[in-house]
């Protein structure tokens, strides 16, 4: 199927794949950070994030892992935790025409920052 938006992009196929990867990772971060999370919904939230990105254009593969380490520190009826960027570990494979890139969102301890970057 032809890409009808191609006319609006003045870049190589690889640059377009990189652009698409950045859009997808940014969407995941800004859409899901703040979602309530517990051990009981951890896997379903991971799968919901994964499935939501898989329906977006040019996504070949996706894996989502939420680090459960912070979840148990809040106990009680009114104490729950919300998803934060340092809990996310997301890998995406994006293919645009003949170009394929692998992008990642994960917390880098040395930077104290959830970094989005290209792995390949």
PDB file of N, CA and C in Angstrom:
ATOM      1  N   UNK A   1       0.845  -1.174   0.000  1.00  0.00           N
ATOM      2  CA  UNK A   1       0.000   0.000   0.000  1.00  0.00           C
ATOM      3  C   UNK A   1       0.898   1.247   0.000  1.00  0.00           C
ATOM      4  N   UNK A   2       0.661   2.185  -0.891  1.00  0.00           N
ATOM      5  CA  UNK A   2       1.492   3.392  -0.936  1.00  0.00           C
ATOM      6  C   UNK A   2       1.263   4.288   0.278  1.00  0.00           C
ATOM      7  N   UNK A   3       2.300   5.024   0.630  1.00  0.00           N
ATOM      8  CA  UNK A   3       2.227   5.958   1.750  1.00  0.00           C
ATOM      9  C   UNK A   3       1.800   7.316   1.209  1.00  0.00           C
ATOM     10  N   UNK A   4       0.552   7.693   1.440  1.00  0.00           N
ATOM     11  CA  UNK A   4       0.051   8.956   0.898  1.00  0.00           C
ATOM     12  C   UNK A   4       0.636  10.173   1.609  1.00  0.00           C
ATOM     13  N   UNK A   5       1.244   9.965   2.770  1.00  0.00           N
ATOM     14  CA  UNK A   5       1.871  11.079   3.496  1.00  0.00           C
ATOM     15  C   UNK A   5       3.317  11.310   3.055  1.00  0.00           C
ATOM     16  N   UNK A   6       3.855  10.416   2.255  1.00  0.00           N
ATOM     17  CA  UNK A   6       5.267  10.503   1.856  1.00  0.00           C
ATOM     18  C   UNK A   6       5.628  11.862   1.255  1.00  0.00           C
ATOM     19  N   UNK A   7       4.706  12.456   0.530  1.00  0.00           N
ATOM     20  CA  UNK A   7       4.969  13.743  -0.130  1.00  0.00           C
ATOM     21  C   UNK A   7       5.287  14.876   0.853  1.00  0.00           C
ATOM     22  N   UNK A   8       4.927  14.696   2.101  1.00  0.00           N
ATOM     23  CA  UNK A   8       5.154  15.736   3.101  1.00  0.00           C
ATOM     24  C   UNK A   8       6.491  15.594   3.829  1.00  0.00           C
ATOM     25  N   UNK A   9       7.225  14.535   3.538  1.00  0.00           N
ATOM     26  CA  UNK A   9       8.488  14.265   4.226  1.00  0.00           C
ATOM     27  C   UNK A   9       9.658  14.458   3.274  1.00  0.00           C
ATOM     28  N   UNK A  10      10.548  15.351   3.619  1.00  0.00           N
ATOM     29  CA  UNK A  10      11.746  15.612   2.835  1.00  0.00           C
ATOM     30  C   UNK A  10      12.920  14.953   3.546  1.00  0.00           C
ATOM     31  N   UNK A  11      12.965  13.609   3.462  1.00  0.00           N
ATOM     32  CA  UNK A  11      13.999  12.874   4.173  1.00  0.00           C
ATOM     33  C   UNK A  11      14.175  11.496   3.537  1.00  0.00           C
ATOM     34  N   UNK A  12      15.219  10.800   3.962  1.00  0.00           N
ATOM     35  CA  UNK A  12      15.459   9.439   3.478  1.00  0.00           C
ATOM     36  C   UNK A  12      14.481   8.473   4.151  1.00  0.00           C
ATOM     37  N   UNK A  13      14.411   7.260   3.630  1.00  0.00           N
ATOM     38  CA  UNK A  13      13.553   6.242   4.242  1.00  0.00           C
ATOM     39  C   UNK A  13      14.007   5.922   5.663  1.00  0.00           C
ATOM     40  N   UNK A  14      15.313   5.887   5.890  1.00  0.00           N
ATOM     41  CA  UNK A  14      15.823   5.627   7.245  1.00  0.00           C
ATOM     42  C   UNK A  14      15.445   6.772   8.188  1.00  0.00           C
ATOM     43  N   UNK A  15      15.590   8.002   7.737  1.00  0.00           N
ATOM     44  CA  UNK A  15      15.200   9.139   8.574  1.00  0.00           C
ATOM     45  C   UNK A  15      13.710   9.094   8.883  1.00  0.00           C
ATOM     46  N   UNK A  16      12.918   8.663   7.947  1.00  0.00           N
ATOM     47  CA  UNK A  16      11.474   8.538   8.187  1.00  0.00           C
ATOM     48  C   UNK A  16      11.195   7.458   9.221  1.00  0.00           C
ATOM     49  N   UNK A  17      11.907   6.335   9.132  1.00  0.00           N
ATOM     50  CA  UNK A  17      11.738   5.273  10.124  1.00  0.00           C
ATOM     51  C   UNK A  17      12.112   5.771  11.519  1.00  0.00           C
ATOM     52  N   UNK A  18      13.186   6.551  11.602  1.00  0.00           N
ATOM     53  CA  UNK A  18      13.619   7.115  12.885  1.00  0.00           C
ATOM     54  C   UNK A  18      12.569   8.090  13.414  1.00  0.00           C
ATOM     55  N   UNK A  19      12.049   8.930  12.543  1.00  0.00           N
ATOM     56  CA  UNK A  19      10.986   9.861  12.920  1.00  0.00           C
ATOM     57  C   UNK A  19       9.789   9.096  13.483  1.00  0.00           C
ATOM     58  N   UNK A  20       9.362   8.061  12.775  1.00  0.00           N
ATOM     59  CA  UNK A  20       8.211   7.260  13.214  1.00  0.00           C
ATOM     60  C   UNK A  20       8.482   6.617  14.570  1.00  0.00           C
ATOM     61  N   UNK A  21       9.695   6.138  14.785  1.00  0.00           N
ATOM     62  CA  UNK A  21      10.044   5.538  16.077  1.00  0.00           C
ATOM     63  C   UNK A  21       9.923   6.560  17.198  1.00  0.00           C
ATOM     64  N   UNK A  22      10.416   7.766  16.963  1.00  0.00           N
ATOM     65  CA  UNK A  22      10.331   8.813  17.975  1.00  0.00           C
ATOM     66  C   UNK A  22       8.898   9.181  18.308  1.00  0.00           C
ATOM     67  N   UNK A  23       8.062   9.258  17.287  1.00  0.00           N
ATOM     68  CA  UNK A  23       6.640   9.557  17.502  1.00  0.00           C
ATOM     69  C   UNK A  23       6.000   8.477  18.369  1.00  0.00           C
ATOM     70  N   UNK A  24       6.286   7.220  18.049  1.00  0.00           N
ATOM     71  CA  UNK A  24       5.668   6.113  18.797  1.00  0.00           C
ATOM     72  C   UNK A  24       6.115   6.105  20.252  1.00  0.00           C
ATOM     73  N   UNK A  25       7.422   6.256  20.488  1.00  0.00           N
ATOM     74  CA  UNK A  25       7.919   6.241  21.870  1.00  0.00           C
ATOM     75  C   UNK A  25       7.384   7.432  22.656  1.00  0.00           C
ATOM     76  N   UNK A  26       7.340   8.602  22.042  1.00  0.00           N
ATOM     77  CA  UNK A  26       6.787   9.784  22.707  1.00  0.00           C
ATOM     78  C   UNK A  26       5.323   9.611  23.045  1.00  0.00           C
ATOM     79  N   UNK A  27       4.599   8.977  22.144  1.00  0.00           N
ATOM     80  CA  UNK A  27       3.179   8.719  22.388  1.00  0.00           C
ATOM     81  C   UNK A  27       2.993   7.787  23.582  1.00  0.00           C
ATOM     82  N   UNK A  28       3.770   6.721  23.626  1.00  0.00           N
ATOM     83  CA  UNK A  28       3.678   5.791  24.752  1.00  0.00           C
ATOM     84  C   UNK A  28       3.965   6.524  26.062  1.00  0.00           C
ATOM     85  N   UNK A  29       5.052   7.257  26.078  1.00  0.00           N
ATOM     86  CA  UNK A  29       5.444   7.938  27.316  1.00  0.00           C
ATOM     87  C   UNK A  29       4.352   8.899  27.789  1.00  0.00           C
ATOM     88  N   UNK A  30       3.904   9.768  26.918  1.00  0.00           N
ATOM     89  CA  UNK A  30       2.974  10.811  27.338  1.00  0.00           C
ATOM     90  C   UNK A  30       1.531  10.332  27.493  1.00  0.00           C
ATOM     91  N   UNK A  31       1.201   9.220  26.864  1.00  0.00           N
ATOM     92  CA  UNK A  31      -0.158   8.701  27.021  1.00  0.00           C
ATOM     93  C   UNK A  31      -0.309   7.862  28.288  1.00  0.00           C
ATOM     94  N   UNK A  32       0.724   7.118  28.662  1.00  0.00           N
ATOM     95  CA  UNK A  32       0.559   6.153  29.749  1.00  0.00           C
ATOM     96  C   UNK A  32       1.182   6.563  31.082  1.00  0.00           C
ATOM     97  N   UNK A  33       2.145   7.466  31.106  1.00  0.00           N
ATOM     98  CA  UNK A  33       2.694   7.911  32.386  1.00  0.00           C
ATOM     99  C   UNK A  33       1.563   8.574  33.163  1.00  0.00           C
ATOM    100  N   UNK A  34       1.386   8.126  34.380  1.00  0.00           N
ATOM    101  CA  UNK A  34       0.290   8.616  35.219  1.00  0.00           C
ATOM    102  C   UNK A  34      -0.839   7.613  35.365  1.00  0.00           C
ATOM    103  N   UNK A  35      -0.803   6.543  34.569  1.00  0.00           N
ATOM    104  CA  UNK A  35      -1.843   5.506  34.683  1.00  0.00           C
ATOM    105  C   UNK A  35      -1.670   4.751  36.000  1.00  0.00           C
ATOM    106  N   UNK A  36      -2.755   4.486  36.713  1.00  0.00           N
ATOM    107  CA  UNK A  36      -2.652   3.697  37.938  1.00  0.00           C
ATOM    108  C   UNK A  36      -2.132   2.292  37.621  1.00  0.00           C
ATOM    109  N   UNK A  37      -1.211   1.813  38.431  1.00  0.00           N
ATOM    110  CA  UNK A  37      -0.635   0.496  38.201  1.00  0.00           C
ATOM    111  C   UNK A  37      -0.455  -0.228  39.529  1.00  0.00           C
ATOM    112  N   UNK A  38      -0.695  -1.523  39.489  1.00  0.00           N
ATOM    113  CA  UNK A  38      -0.487  -2.388  40.652  1.00  0.00           C
ATOM    114  C   UNK A  38      -0.001  -3.734  40.117  1.00  0.00           C
ATOM    115  N   UNK A  39       0.352  -4.611  41.023  1.00  0.00           N
ATOM    116  CA  UNK A  39       0.768  -5.938  40.580  1.00  0.00           C
ATOM    117  C   UNK A  39      -0.367  -6.679  39.885  1.00  0.00           C
ATOM    118  N   UNK A  40      -1.612  -6.352  40.251  1.00  0.00           N
ATOM    119  CA  UNK A  40      -2.750  -7.054  39.653  1.00  0.00           C
ATOM    120  C   UNK A  40      -3.032  -6.628  38.207  1.00  0.00           C
ATOM    121  N   UNK A  41      -2.635  -5.418  37.813  1.00  0.00           N
ATOM    122  CA  UNK A  41      -2.888  -4.995  36.433  1.00  0.00           C
ATOM    123  C   UNK A  41      -1.610  -4.785  35.625  1.00  0.00           C
ATOM    124  N   UNK A  42      -0.478  -5.129  36.182  1.00  0.00           N
ATOM    125  CA  UNK A  42       0.807  -4.898  35.536  1.00  0.00           C
ATOM    126  C   UNK A  42       0.876  -5.538  34.149  1.00  0.00           C
ATOM    127  N   UNK A  43       0.585  -6.814  34.057  1.00  0.00           N
ATOM    128  CA  UNK A  43       0.686  -7.504  32.765  1.00  0.00           C
ATOM    129  C   UNK A  43      -0.351  -6.997  31.768  1.00  0.00           C
ATOM    130  N   UNK A  44      -1.547  -6.712  32.225  1.00  0.00           N
ATOM    131  CA  UNK A  44      -2.564  -6.223  31.291  1.00  0.00           C
ATOM    132  C   UNK A  44      -2.226  -4.816  30.801  1.00  0.00           C
ATOM    133  N   UNK A  45      -1.607  -3.985  31.651  1.00  0.00           N
ATOM    134  CA  UNK A  45      -1.186  -2.660  31.211  1.00  0.00           C
ATOM    135  C   UNK A  45      -0.036  -2.767  30.210  1.00  0.00           C
ATOM    136  N   UNK A  46       0.912  -3.655  30.472  1.00  0.00           N
ATOM    137  CA  UNK A  46       1.993  -3.891  29.507  1.00  0.00           C
ATOM    138  C   UNK A  46       1.421  -4.299  28.148  1.00  0.00           C
ATOM    139  N   UNK A  47       0.482  -5.217  28.168  1.00  0.00           N
ATOM    140  CA  UNK A  47      -0.116  -5.699  26.914  1.00  0.00           C
ATOM    141  C   UNK A  47      -0.955  -4.625  26.233  1.00  0.00           C
ATOM    142  N   UNK A  48      -1.651  -3.810  27.006  1.00  0.00           N
ATOM    143  CA  UNK A  48      -2.440  -2.722  26.414  1.00  0.00           C
ATOM    144  C   UNK A  48      -1.527  -1.718  25.710  1.00  0.00           C
ATOM    145  N   UNK A  49      -0.409  -1.379  26.332  1.00  0.00           N
ATOM    146  CA  UNK A  49       0.538  -0.462  25.708  1.00  0.00           C
ATOM    147  C   UNK A  49       1.100  -1.090  24.438  1.00  0.00           C
ATOM    148  N   UNK A  50       1.475  -2.338  24.527  1.00  0.00           N
ATOM    149  CA  UNK A  50       2.029  -3.054  23.363  1.00  0.00           C
ATOM    150  C   UNK A  50       1.030  -3.089  22.214  1.00  0.00           C
ATOM    151  N   UNK A  51      -0.199  -3.475  22.501  1.00  0.00           N
ATOM    152  CA  UNK A  51      -1.214  -3.575  21.455  1.00  0.00           C
ATOM    153  C   UNK A  51      -1.548  -2.214  20.852  1.00  0.00           C
ATOM    154  N   UNK A  52      -1.526  -1.164  21.671  1.00  0.00           N
ATOM    155  CA  UNK A  52      -1.855   0.165  21.148  1.00  0.00           C
ATOM    156  C   UNK A  52      -0.796   0.665  20.174  1.00  0.00           C
ATOM    157  N   UNK A  53       0.450   0.317  20.407  1.00  0.00           N
ATOM    158  CA  UNK A  53       1.495   0.775  19.489  1.00  0.00           C
ATOM    159  C   UNK A  53       1.566  -0.110  18.242  1.00  0.00           C
ATOM    160  N   UNK A  54       1.184  -1.362  18.364  1.00  0.00           N
ATOM    161  CA  UNK A  54       1.238  -2.266  17.210  1.00  0.00           C
ATOM    162  C   UNK A  54       0.260  -1.881  16.106  1.00  0.00           C
ATOM    163  N   UNK A  55      -0.802  -1.167  16.428  1.00  0.00           N
ATOM    164  CA  UNK A  55      -1.762  -0.773  15.389  1.00  0.00           C
ATOM    165  C   UNK A  55      -1.324   0.498  14.660  1.00  0.00           C
ATOM    166  N   UNK A  56      -0.276   1.144  15.134  1.00  0.00           N
ATOM    167  CA  UNK A  56       0.200   2.364  14.480  1.00  0.00           C
ATOM    168  C   UNK A  56       1.014   2.007  13.235  1.00  0.00           C
ATOM    169  N   UNK A  57       1.048   2.914  12.263  1.00  0.00           N
ATOM    170  CA  UNK A  57       1.748   2.627  11.010  1.00  0.00           C
ATOM    171  C   UNK A  57       3.230   2.309  11.203  1.00  0.00           C
ATOM    172  N   UNK A  58       3.707   1.328  10.449  1.00  0.00           N
ATOM    173  CA  UNK A  58       5.112   0.971  10.297  1.00  0.00           C
ATOM    174  C   UNK A  58       5.726   0.254  11.495  1.00  0.00           C
ATOM    175  N   UNK A  59       4.941  -0.162  12.478  1.00  0.00           N
ATOM    176  CA  UNK A  59       5.466  -0.886  13.634  1.00  0.00           C
ATOM    177  C   UNK A  59       5.462  -2.376  13.316  1.00  0.00           C
ATOM    178  N   UNK A  60       6.659  -2.973  13.307  1.00  0.00           N
ATOM    179  CA  UNK A  60       6.802  -4.417  13.070  1.00  0.00           C
ATOM    180  C   UNK A  60       6.657  -5.229  14.353  1.00  0.00           C
ATOM    181  N   UNK A  61       7.364  -4.787  15.386  1.00  0.00           N
ATOM    182  CA  UNK A  61       7.392  -5.518  16.652  1.00  0.00           C
ATOM    183  C   UNK A  61       7.410  -4.525  17.805  1.00  0.00           C
ATOM    184  N   UNK A  62       6.921  -4.975  18.939  1.00  0.00           N
ATOM    185  CA  UNK A  62       6.948  -4.142  20.142  1.00  0.00           C
ATOM    186  C   UNK A  62       7.010  -5.031  21.376  1.00  0.00           C
ATOM    187  N   UNK A  63       7.790  -4.609  22.342  1.00  0.00           N
ATOM    188  CA  UNK A  63       7.780  -5.267  23.644  1.00  0.00           C
ATOM    189  C   UNK A  63       7.727  -4.181  24.708  1.00  0.00           C
ATOM    190  N   UNK A  64       6.955  -4.447  25.749  1.00  0.00           N
ATOM    191  CA  UNK A  64       6.772  -3.481  26.827  1.00  0.00           C
ATOM    192  C   UNK A  64       6.942  -4.218  28.147  1.00  0.00           C
ATOM    193  N   UNK A  65       7.788  -3.659  28.998  1.00  0.00           N
ATOM    194  CA  UNK A  65       7.966  -4.199  30.335  1.00  0.00           C
ATOM    195  C   UNK A  65       7.870  -3.049  31.322  1.00  0.00           C
ATOM    196  N   UNK A  66       7.098  -3.264  32.359  1.00  0.00           N
ATOM    197  CA  UNK A  66       6.983  -2.290  33.443  1.00  0.00           C
ATOM    198  C   UNK A  66       7.694  -2.868  34.651  1.00  0.00           C
ATOM    199  N   UNK A  67       8.669  -2.146  35.165  1.00  0.00           N
ATOM    200  CA  UNK A  67       9.430  -2.592  36.322  1.00  0.00           C
ATOM    201  C   UNK A  67       8.539  -2.527  37.565  1.00  0.00           C
ATOM    202  N   UNK A  68       8.327  -3.658  38.217  1.00  0.00           N
ATOM    203  CA  UNK A  68       7.407  -3.693  39.363  1.00  0.00           C
ATOM    204  C   UNK A  68       8.034  -3.279  40.695  1.00  0.00           C
ATOM    205  N   UNK A  69       9.306  -2.924  40.703  1.00  0.00           N
ATOM    206  CA  UNK A  69      10.007  -2.682  41.970  1.00  0.00           C
ATOM    207  C   UNK A  69       9.357  -1.620  42.853  1.00  0.00           C
ATOM    208  N   UNK A  70       8.817  -0.554  42.273  1.00  0.00           N
ATOM    209  CA  UNK A  70       8.237   0.527  43.077  1.00  0.00           C
ATOM    210  C   UNK A  70       6.807   0.265  43.526  1.00  0.00           C
ATOM    211  N   UNK A  71       6.171  -0.726  42.975  1.00  0.00           N
ATOM    212  CA  UNK A  71       4.751  -0.942  43.236  1.00  0.00           C
ATOM    213  C   UNK A  71       4.461  -1.320  44.683  1.00  0.00           C
ATOM    214  N   UNK A  72       5.271  -2.149  45.262  1.00  0.00           N
ATOM    215  CA  UNK A  72       5.001  -2.644  46.617  1.00  0.00           C
ATOM    216  C   UNK A  72       5.288  -1.646  47.730  1.00  0.00           C
ATOM    217  N   UNK A  73       5.885  -0.512  47.409  1.00  0.00           N
ATOM    218  CA  UNK A  73       6.208   0.433  48.483  1.00  0.00           C
ATOM    219  C   UNK A  73       4.992   1.213  48.973  1.00  0.00           C
ATOM    220  N   UNK A  74       3.899   1.192  48.225  1.00  0.00           N
ATOM    221  CA  UNK A  74       2.676   1.893  48.617  1.00  0.00           C
ATOM    222  C   UNK A  74       1.617   0.862  48.992  1.00  0.00           C
ATOM    223  N   UNK A  75       1.205   0.883  50.238  1.00  0.00           N
ATOM    224  CA  UNK A  75       0.206  -0.079  50.697  1.00  0.00           C
ATOM    225  C   UNK A  75      -0.931   0.673  51.384  1.00  0.00           C
ATOM    226  N   UNK A  76      -2.099   0.105  51.319  1.00  0.00           N
ATOM    227  CA  UNK A  76      -3.252   0.703  51.962  1.00  0.00           C
ATOM    228  C   UNK A  76      -4.318   1.069  50.942  1.00  0.00           C
ATOM    229  N   UNK A  77      -5.501   1.324  51.432  1.00  0.00           N
ATOM    230  CA  UNK A  77      -6.651   1.588  50.574  1.00  0.00           C
ATOM    231  C   UNK A  77      -6.444   2.780  49.653  1.00  0.00           C
ATOM    232  N   UNK A  78      -5.858   3.844  50.145  1.00  0.00           N
ATOM    233  CA  UNK A  78      -5.717   5.070  49.358  1.00  0.00           C
ATOM    234  C   UNK A  78      -4.304   5.275  48.823  1.00  0.00           C
ATOM    235  N   UNK A  79      -3.497   4.264  48.931  1.00  0.00           N
ATOM    236  CA  UNK A  79      -2.122   4.382  48.457  1.00  0.00           C
ATOM    237  C   UNK A  79      -1.927   3.432  47.288  1.00  0.00           C
ATOM    238  N   UNK A  80      -1.817   4.012  46.149  1.00  0.00           N
ATOM    239  CA  UNK A  80      -1.499   3.244  44.957  1.00  0.00           C
ATOM    240  C   UNK A  80      -0.439   4.012  44.196  1.00  0.00           C
ATOM    241  N   UNK A  81       0.119   3.406  43.214  1.00  0.00           N
ATOM    242  CA  UNK A  81       1.188   4.051  42.474  1.00  0.00           C
ATOM    243  C   UNK A  81       0.728   4.303  41.043  1.00  0.00           C
ATOM    244  N   UNK A  82       1.269   5.334  40.451  1.00  0.00           N
ATOM    245  CA  UNK A  82       1.000   5.591  39.039  1.00  0.00           C
ATOM    246  C   UNK A  82       2.277   5.323  38.258  1.00  0.00           C
ATOM    247  N   UNK A  83       2.086   4.940  37.031  1.00  0.00           N
ATOM    248  CA  UNK A  83       3.204   4.619  36.157  1.00  0.00           C
ATOM    249  C   UNK A  83       4.083   5.851  35.961  1.00  0.00           C
ATOM    250  N   UNK A  84       5.393   5.651  36.093  1.00  0.00           N
ATOM    251  CA  UNK A  84       6.359   6.723  35.868  1.00  0.00           C
ATOM    252  C   UNK A  84       7.334   6.287  34.773  1.00  0.00           C
ATOM    253  N   UNK A  85       8.004   7.258  34.190  1.00  0.00           N
ATOM    254  CA  UNK A  85       8.920   6.960  33.095  1.00  0.00           C
ATOM    255  C   UNK A  85      10.033   6.019  33.469  1.00  0.00           C
ATOM    256  N   UNK A  86      10.460   6.057  34.728  1.00  0.00           N
ATOM    257  CA  UNK A  86      11.555   5.176  35.145  1.00  0.00           C
ATOM    258  C   UNK A  86      11.127   3.722  35.273  1.00  0.00           C
ATOM    259  N   UNK A  87       9.846   3.440  35.155  1.00  0.00           N
ATOM    260  CA  UNK A  87       9.343   2.075  35.227  1.00  0.00           C
ATOM    261  C   UNK A  87       9.224   1.418  33.854  1.00  0.00           C
ATOM    262  N   UNK A  88       9.306   2.203  32.789  1.00  0.00           N
ATOM    263  CA  UNK A  88       9.077   1.695  31.434  1.00  0.00           C
ATOM    264  C   UNK A  88      10.344   1.175  30.773  1.00  0.00           C
ATOM    265  N   UNK A  89      10.200   0.048  30.095  1.00  0.00           N
ATOM    266  CA  UNK A  89      11.248  -0.484  29.224  1.00  0.00           C
ATOM    267  C   UNK A  89      10.538  -0.952  27.956  1.00  0.00           C
ATOM    268  N   UNK A  90      10.666  -0.168  26.892  1.00  0.00           N
ATOM    269  CA  UNK A  90       9.934  -0.408  25.652  1.00  0.00           C
ATOM    270  C   UNK A  90      10.928  -0.561  24.510  1.00  0.00           C
ATOM    271  N   UNK A  91      10.735  -1.586  23.706  1.00  0.00           N
ATOM    272  CA  UNK A  91      11.518  -1.778  22.477  1.00  0.00           C
ATOM    273  C   UNK A  91      10.566  -1.822  21.303  1.00  0.00           C
ATOM    274  N   UNK A  92      10.913  -1.091  20.245  1.00  0.00           N
ATOM    275  CA  UNK A  92      10.097  -1.067  19.032  1.00  0.00           C
ATOM    276  C   UNK A  92      10.963  -1.360  17.824  1.00  0.00           C
ATOM    277  N   UNK A  93      10.393  -2.075  16.890  1.00  0.00           N
ATOM    278  CA  UNK A  93      11.013  -2.274  15.592  1.00  0.00           C
ATOM    279  C   UNK A  93      10.118  -1.583  14.573  1.00  0.00           C
ATOM    280  N   UNK A  94      10.678  -0.623  13.864  1.00  0.00           N
ATOM    281  CA  UNK A  94       9.938   0.176  12.895  1.00  0.00           C
ATOM    282  C   UNK A  94      10.511  -0.098  11.510  1.00  0.00           C
ATOM    283  N   UNK A  95       9.631  -0.365  10.560  1.00  0.00           N
ATOM    284  CA  UNK A  95      10.059  -0.568   9.182  1.00  0.00           C
ATOM    285  C   UNK A  95       9.342   0.442   8.294  1.00  0.00           C
ATOM    286  N   UNK A  96      10.147   1.202   7.559  1.00  0.00           N
ATOM    287  CA  UNK A  96       9.595   2.100   6.556  1.00  0.00           C
ATOM    288  C   UNK A  96      10.272   1.769   5.231  1.00  0.00           C
ATOM    289  N   UNK A  97       9.472   1.249   4.325  1.00  0.00           N
ATOM    290  CA  UNK A  97       9.988   0.758   3.047  1.00  0.00           C
ATOM    291  C   UNK A  97      11.117  -0.227   3.324  1.00  0.00           C
ATOM    292  N   UNK A  98      12.319   0.040   2.809  1.00  0.00           N
ATOM    293  CA  UNK A  98      13.420  -0.909   3.005  1.00  0.00           C
ATOM    294  C   UNK A  98      14.246  -0.655   4.245  1.00  0.00           C
ATOM    295  N   UNK A  99      13.894   0.336   5.035  1.00  0.00           N
ATOM    296  CA  UNK A  99      14.683   0.682   6.221  1.00  0.00           C
ATOM    297  C   UNK A  99      14.000   0.192   7.485  1.00  0.00           C
ATOM    298  N   UNK A 100      14.813  -0.368   8.363  1.00  0.00           N
ATOM    299  CA  UNK A 100      14.300  -0.865   9.645  1.00  0.00           C
ATOM    300  C   UNK A 100      15.172  -0.309  10.759  1.00  0.00           C
ATOM    301  N   UNK A 101      14.540   0.196  11.806  1.00  0.00           N
ATOM    302  CA  UNK A 101      15.269   0.688  12.974  1.00  0.00           C
ATOM    303  C   UNK A 101      14.690   0.045  14.227  1.00  0.00           C
ATOM    304  N   UNK A 102      15.546  -0.063  15.231  1.00  0.00           N
ATOM    305  CA  UNK A 102      15.107  -0.543  16.539  1.00  0.00           C
ATOM    306  C   UNK A 102      15.292   0.595  17.525  1.00  0.00           C
ATOM    307  N   UNK A 103      14.215   0.975  18.183  1.00  0.00           N
ATOM    308  CA  UNK A 103      14.232   2.093  19.117  1.00  0.00           C
ATOM    309  C   UNK A 103      13.891   1.601  20.513  1.00  0.00           C
ATOM    310  N   UNK A 104      14.330   2.349  21.491  1.00  0.00           N
ATOM    311  CA  UNK A 104      14.154   1.919  22.876  1.00  0.00           C
ATOM    312  C   UNK A 104      13.824   3.097  23.766  1.00  0.00           C
ATOM    313  N   UNK A 105      13.008   2.838  24.754  1.00  0.00           N
ATOM    314  CA  UNK A 105      12.733   3.765  25.853  1.00  0.00           C
ATOM    315  C   UNK A 105      13.017   2.985  27.124  1.00  0.00           C
ATOM    316  N   UNK A 106      14.000   3.451  27.881  1.00  0.00           N
ATOM    317  CA  UNK A 106      14.288   2.805  29.164  1.00  0.00           C
ATOM    318  C   UNK A 106      14.999   3.780  30.081  1.00  0.00           C
ATOM    319  N   UNK A 107      14.874   3.508  31.353  1.00  0.00           N
ATOM    320  CA  UNK A 107      15.474   4.355  32.377  1.00  0.00           C
ATOM    321  C   UNK A 107      16.972   4.080  32.440  1.00  0.00           C
ATOM    322  N   UNK A 108      17.764   5.146  32.365  1.00  0.00           N
ATOM    323  CA  UNK A 108      19.218   5.050  32.475  1.00  0.00           C
ATOM    324  C   UNK A 108      19.611   5.596  33.849  1.00  0.00           C
ATOM    325  N   UNK A 109      20.056   4.712  34.731  1.00  0.00           N
ATOM    326  CA  UNK A 109      20.352   5.096  36.118  1.00  0.00           C
ATOM    327  C   UNK A 109      21.404   6.194  36.203  1.00  0.00           C
ATOM    328  N   UNK A 110      22.451   6.103  35.394  1.00  0.00           N
ATOM    329  CA  UNK A 110      23.535   7.089  35.455  1.00  0.00           C
ATOM    330  C   UNK A 110      23.047   8.496  35.103  1.00  0.00           C
ATOM    331  N   UNK A 111      22.011   8.571  34.315  1.00  0.00           N
ATOM    332  CA  UNK A 111      21.453   9.865  33.904  1.00  0.00           C
ATOM    333  C   UNK A 111      20.256  10.265  34.752  1.00  0.00           C
ATOM    334  N   UNK A 112      19.695   9.294  35.494  1.00  0.00           N
ATOM    335  CA  UNK A 112      18.453   9.496  36.235  1.00  0.00           C
ATOM    336  C   UNK A 112      17.372  10.026  35.286  1.00  0.00           C
ATOM    337  N   UNK A 113      17.216   9.293  34.152  1.00  0.00           N
ATOM    338  CA  UNK A 113      16.360   9.797  33.081  1.00  0.00           C
ATOM    339  C   UNK A 113      15.820   8.642  32.221  1.00  0.00           C
ATOM    340  N   UNK A 114      14.529   8.689  31.863  1.00  0.00           N
ATOM    341  CA  UNK A 114      13.981   7.694  30.935  1.00  0.00           C
ATOM    342  C   UNK A 114      14.324   8.131  29.492  1.00  0.00           C
ATOM    343  N   UNK A 115      15.331   7.518  28.925  1.00  0.00           N
ATOM    344  CA  UNK A 115      15.877   7.944  27.640  1.00  0.00           C
ATOM    345  C   UNK A 115      15.239   7.193  26.467  1.00  0.00           C
ATOM    346  N   UNK A 116      14.925   7.930  25.412  1.00  0.00           N
ATOM    347  CA  UNK A 116      14.475   7.359  24.146  1.00  0.00           C
ATOM    348  C   UNK A 116      15.652   7.435  23.185  1.00  0.00           C
ATOM    349  N   UNK A 117      16.012   6.282  22.576  1.00  0.00           N
ATOM    350  CA  UNK A 117      17.194   6.270  21.721  1.00  0.00           C
ATOM    351  C   UNK A 117      17.091   5.150  20.677  1.00  0.00           C
ATOM    352  N   UNK A 118      18.010   5.187  19.714  1.00  0.00           N
ATOM    353  CA  UNK A 118      18.091   4.150  18.690  1.00  0.00           C
ATOM    354  C   UNK A 118      19.083   3.091  19.120  1.00  0.00           C
ATOM    355  N   UNK A 119      18.653   1.824  19.062  1.00  0.00           N
ATOM    356  CA  UNK A 119      19.566   0.724  19.359  1.00  0.00           C
ATOM    357  C   UNK A 119      20.240   0.224  18.083  1.00  0.00           C
ATOM    358  N   UNK A 120      19.521   0.322  16.978  1.00  0.00           N
ATOM    359  CA  UNK A 120      20.038  -0.198  15.711  1.00  0.00           C
ATOM    360  C   UNK A 120      19.442   0.581  14.565  1.00  0.00           C
TER     361      UNK A 120
END
